[in-house]
Protein backbone atom coordinates (compact mmCIF):
# COMPACT_ATOMS: atom_id res chain seq x y z
CA MET A 1 0.00 0.00 0.00
CA ILE A 2 1.34 3.42 -0.97
CA PRO A 3 1.32 5.79 2.04
CA ASP A 4 -1.03 8.72 1.84
CA PRO A 5 1.23 11.77 1.32
CA SER A 6 -0.96 13.89 3.58
CA GLN A 7 -0.62 11.35 6.42
CA VAL A 8 3.15 11.21 5.95
CA ALA A 9 3.34 14.99 6.05
CA HIS A 10 1.15 15.07 9.16
CA ARG A 11 3.34 12.55 10.98
CA TRP A 12 6.47 14.47 9.98
CA LEU A 13 5.00 17.76 11.20
CA ARG A 14 3.85 16.17 14.47
CA ALA A 15 7.33 14.76 15.08
CA ARG A 16 8.89 18.14 14.32
CA THR A 17 6.65 19.95 16.79
CA ARG A 18 6.28 17.33 19.53
CA ILE A 19 7.05 18.78 22.95
CA VAL A 20 8.92 16.57 25.43
CA SER A 21 10.18 17.34 28.93
CA LYS A 22 13.39 15.65 30.11
CA VAL A 23 15.23 15.79 33.41
CA LEU A 24 18.83 14.70 32.91
CA ARG A 25 21.70 13.83 35.22
CA GLY A 26 25.15 12.39 34.72
CA MET A 27 26.51 11.59 31.27
CA SER A 28 23.08 11.86 29.62
CA ARG A 29 23.46 15.65 29.72
CA GLU A 30 26.29 15.56 27.19
CA ILE A 31 23.95 14.49 24.39
CA TYR A 32 22.50 18.00 24.36
CA ILE A 33 25.48 20.00 25.58
CA ASP A 34 26.21 21.79 22.29
CA ALA A 35 22.59 22.84 21.76
CA VAL A 36 22.25 23.99 25.37
CA TRP A 37 25.53 25.90 25.10
CA ASP A 38 24.15 27.76 22.06
CA MET A 39 21.09 28.76 24.11
CA TYR A 40 23.18 29.78 27.11
CA GLU A 41 25.51 31.85 24.96
CA SER A 42 22.64 33.55 23.14
CA VAL A 43 20.78 34.55 26.33
CA TYR A 44 23.75 35.44 28.54
CA ARG A 45 26.20 37.02 26.09
CA THR A 46 24.82 40.54 26.55
CA ILE A 47 25.13 40.54 30.35
CA GLY A 48 28.25 38.43 30.73
CA MET A 49 28.89 34.70 30.75
CA SER A 50 30.18 33.28 34.00
CA ILE A 51 30.61 29.89 32.32
CA LYS A 52 33.28 29.97 29.64
CA THR A 53 33.01 26.57 27.94
CA PRO A 54 30.28 24.02 27.17
CA GLN A 55 31.84 21.59 29.66
CA GLY A 56 31.42 24.24 32.35
CA LEU A 57 27.65 23.75 32.11
CA LEU A 58 28.12 20.32 33.68
CA GLU A 59 28.82 22.05 37.00
CA TYR A 60 25.03 22.06 37.28
CA PRO A 61 24.22 18.37 37.95
CA VAL A 62 20.50 18.43 37.10
CA TRP A 63 19.20 19.70 33.75
CA ASP A 64 15.52 20.22 33.05
CA LEU A 65 15.03 20.51 29.28
CA ILE A 66 12.08 21.12 27.01
CA LEU A 67 12.56 19.54 23.59
CA ALA A 68 10.59 20.49 20.49
CA GLY A 69 11.05 18.04 17.66
CA GLY A 70 13.94 16.47 19.56
CA GLN A 71 15.86 19.74 19.95
CA PRO A 72 16.22 21.68 23.23
CA VAL A 73 14.30 24.97 23.27
CA THR A 74 14.29 25.73 27.02
CA PHE A 75 16.56 24.82 29.92
CA ILE A 76 16.55 25.11 33.69
CA PHE A 77 19.64 24.08 35.65
CA TYR A 78 19.60 23.04 39.30
CA LYS A 79 22.14 22.59 42.06
CA VAL A 80 21.55 19.76 44.52
CA LYS A 81 21.20 21.12 48.07
CA PRO A 82 20.24 19.74 51.49
CA TYR A 83 16.73 21.18 51.01
CA GLY A 84 16.23 19.93 47.45
CA LEU A 85 16.99 21.39 44.03
CA LYS A 86 17.86 25.08 43.91
CA VAL A 87 17.17 26.82 40.60
CA GLY A 88 20.27 28.28 38.98
CA LEU A 89 20.44 29.12 35.28
CA LEU A 90 17.47 29.45 32.91
CA GLY A 91 17.33 30.06 29.19
CA HIS A 92 15.69 29.40 25.82
CA ASP A 93 16.50 29.28 22.12
CA GLY A 94 14.75 32.53 21.19
CA SER A 95 11.81 30.84 19.47
CA SER A 96 8.23 31.52 20.48
CA THR A 97 8.02 27.94 21.78
CA GLY A 98 11.20 28.31 23.81
CA LYS A 99 10.12 31.61 25.32
CA ALA A 100 6.65 30.29 26.16
CA HIS A 101 8.09 27.29 27.98
CA ALA A 102 10.60 29.46 29.83
CA VAL A 103 7.71 31.47 31.26
CA LYS A 104 5.76 28.26 31.91
CA GLY A 105 8.74 26.95 33.86
CA LEU A 106 8.65 30.00 36.12
CA ARG A 107 4.94 29.42 36.69
CA THR A 108 5.10 25.70 37.43
CA LYS A 109 8.49 24.52 38.72
CA PHE A 110 8.28 26.31 42.07
CA ARG A 111 5.09 24.41 42.86
CA GLN A 112 6.91 21.07 42.76
CA ASN A 113 8.17 19.46 45.96
CA GLY A 114 11.83 20.01 46.63
CA ILE A 115 12.34 22.78 44.04
CA TYR A 116 13.03 26.31 45.21
CA GLY A 117 14.91 29.48 44.36
CA GLU A 118 15.35 33.17 44.96
CA VAL A 119 13.40 35.66 42.87
CA SER A 120 13.02 39.42 42.53
CA HIS A 121 11.43 42.11 40.37
CA LYS A 122 9.62 40.87 37.23
CA VAL A 123 10.50 37.23 37.72
CA LYS A 124 9.09 37.45 41.24
CA ALA A 125 5.86 38.95 39.88
CA ILE A 126 5.41 36.06 37.41
CA VAL A 127 6.17 33.40 40.02
CA LEU A 128 3.91 34.84 42.71
CA ALA A 129 1.06 35.43 40.25
CA SER A 130 1.15 31.69 39.50
CA GLY A 131 0.32 30.88 43.12
CA ALA A 132 3.73 29.46 43.99
CA PRO A 133 4.34 28.91 47.72
CA VAL A 134 6.65 31.34 49.49
CA VAL A 135 9.14 30.79 52.29
CA CYS A 136 8.89 33.32 55.11
CA ALA A 137 12.04 35.42 55.25
CA VAL A 138 12.83 34.24 58.79
CA TYR A 139 13.69 30.81 57.33
CA ALA A 140 15.72 32.08 54.37
CA SER A 141 19.07 32.13 56.12
CA GLN A 142 18.64 28.50 57.19
CA VAL A 143 17.85 27.38 53.64
CA LEU A 144 20.51 29.48 51.92
CA GLY A 145 23.27 28.96 54.46
CA LYS A 146 23.99 32.68 54.21
CA PRO A 147 23.23 35.66 56.45
CA ILE A 148 20.26 37.79 55.41
CA ALA A 149 18.43 40.85 56.74
CA VAL A 150 14.65 40.46 57.06
CA ASP A 151 12.54 43.34 55.75
CA ASP A 152 10.64 44.76 58.72
CA ASP A 153 7.74 45.80 56.47
CA ASP A 154 7.50 42.64 54.37
CA PRO A 155 7.75 39.21 56.03
CA LEU A 156 8.45 37.59 52.64
CA SER A 157 11.40 39.75 51.61
CA TYR A 158 14.99 39.99 52.76
CA SER A 159 18.19 41.62 51.64
CA ARG A 160 21.56 39.98 51.22
CA THR A 161 24.89 40.83 49.69
CA LEU A 162 26.08 39.25 46.46
CA LYS A 163 29.77 39.40 45.73
CA GLY A 164 30.39 41.73 42.82
CA VAL A 165 26.86 43.15 42.94
CA GLY A 166 26.22 44.42 46.45
CA ALA A 167 22.96 44.45 48.37
CA VAL A 168 19.94 42.87 46.66
CA THR A 169 16.37 42.24 47.82
CA LYS A 170 15.02 38.74 47.29
CA THR A 171 12.13 36.43 48.07
CA LEU A 172 12.55 32.68 48.52
CA VAL A 173 9.89 30.71 46.65
CA GLY A 174 9.06 27.06 46.15
CA LEU A 175 8.99 24.02 48.38
CA PRO A 176 12.36 23.37 50.05
CA LYS A 177 12.18 20.10 51.94
CA GLY A 178 11.15 20.41 55.58
CA ILE A 179 10.65 24.19 55.50
CA PRO A 180 7.22 25.77 56.17
CA THR A 181 5.73 27.85 53.38
CA THR A 182 2.93 30.36 53.10
CA LYS A 183 0.79 32.13 50.49
CA ALA A 184 1.99 35.35 48.91
CA ASN A 185 -1.47 36.92 48.89
CA ASN A 186 -2.17 36.09 52.53
CA PRO A 187 1.16 35.45 54.28
CA SER A 188 1.33 33.98 57.74
CA CYS A 189 4.84 34.19 59.14
CA PRO A 190 6.32 33.84 62.63
CA ALA A 191 7.91 36.77 64.40
CA ILE A 192 11.49 37.52 63.51
CA GLN A 193 13.75 34.95 65.09
CA PRO A 194 17.51 34.95 65.67
CA GLN A 195 19.35 33.80 62.57
CA PRO A 196 20.84 30.33 62.77
CA THR A 197 24.54 29.93 63.22
CA ILE A 198 26.09 29.71 59.76
CA PRO A 199 28.95 27.21 59.66
CA GLU A 200 32.27 28.57 58.48
CA LEU A 201 32.98 27.42 54.94
CA SER A 202 36.26 26.61 53.30
CA PRO A 203 37.46 29.27 50.84
CA ARG A 204 36.77 26.94 47.91
CA LEU A 205 33.20 26.15 48.98
CA ALA A 206 32.52 29.79 49.83
CA ALA A 207 33.68 30.80 46.34
CA GLU A 208 31.45 28.14 44.76
CA LEU A 209 28.40 29.39 46.66
CA ASP A 210 29.18 32.98 45.73
CA ALA A 211 29.37 31.96 42.06
CA GLU A 212 26.06 30.07 42.29
CA ASP A 213 24.32 33.04 43.88
CA LEU A 214 25.65 35.39 41.23
CA ASP A 215 24.63 33.01 38.43
CA ALA A 216 21.07 32.80 39.76
CA HIS A 217 20.84 36.59 40.10
CA MET A 218 22.17 37.19 36.59
CA ALA A 219 19.82 34.50 35.25
CA GLU A 220 16.87 36.65 36.26
CA ILE A 221 18.32 39.69 34.50
CA ALA A 222 19.16 37.72 31.36
CA LEU A 223 15.78 36.01 31.21
CA VAL A 224 13.82 39.24 31.63
CA ALA A 225 15.87 40.90 28.89
CA SER A 226 15.58 37.96 26.50
CA LEU A 227 11.81 37.72 26.98
CA GLY A 228 11.32 41.47 26.57
CA LEU A 229 9.53 41.77 29.90
């Protein structure tokens, strides 16, 4: 039987546009490393690239990719932490599909158990509008392992210092394991408590954490610029 050309074309088009979500760890990440590097370079070039080579992307052990027709169009990178997966870098390929799924990621990932991250400004507005849970600022230091200053007028916000940037105001969103959360539109937070004792870190580990924090902060700036928000 000769295949119907219209059916063949339909199957080809469906394969080309099929959307698949993949979470990758270990060596499986290297299959897509060149395509993800192209996305990273495209989104981050204008603000500065902290990662200098494709292999440097592997410093993030968990990759969350959206594939369209087998090709990555959106990525979210995570670091593995005691409280779950902390969002680091985000990006897309510049297509309408990639951009749409980047925004969808902001709206959905922080509602999944064990995923959390710091947000501010326009990214914060998108995340909170989606109904994502929020961590009261009094718990932020415990989760981050860094000193913070709680905002007296906003129990969900705190300020902290990023190396190379200075003071920034952030909100911790998502569902870090074992940490109470609240609703952004009707927050219920305990009174300000003494900050936990932060263990002294080795210079190497301290530098790694500083780099992670800076990456996550710059990811917000890059994403907002690339999406035209």
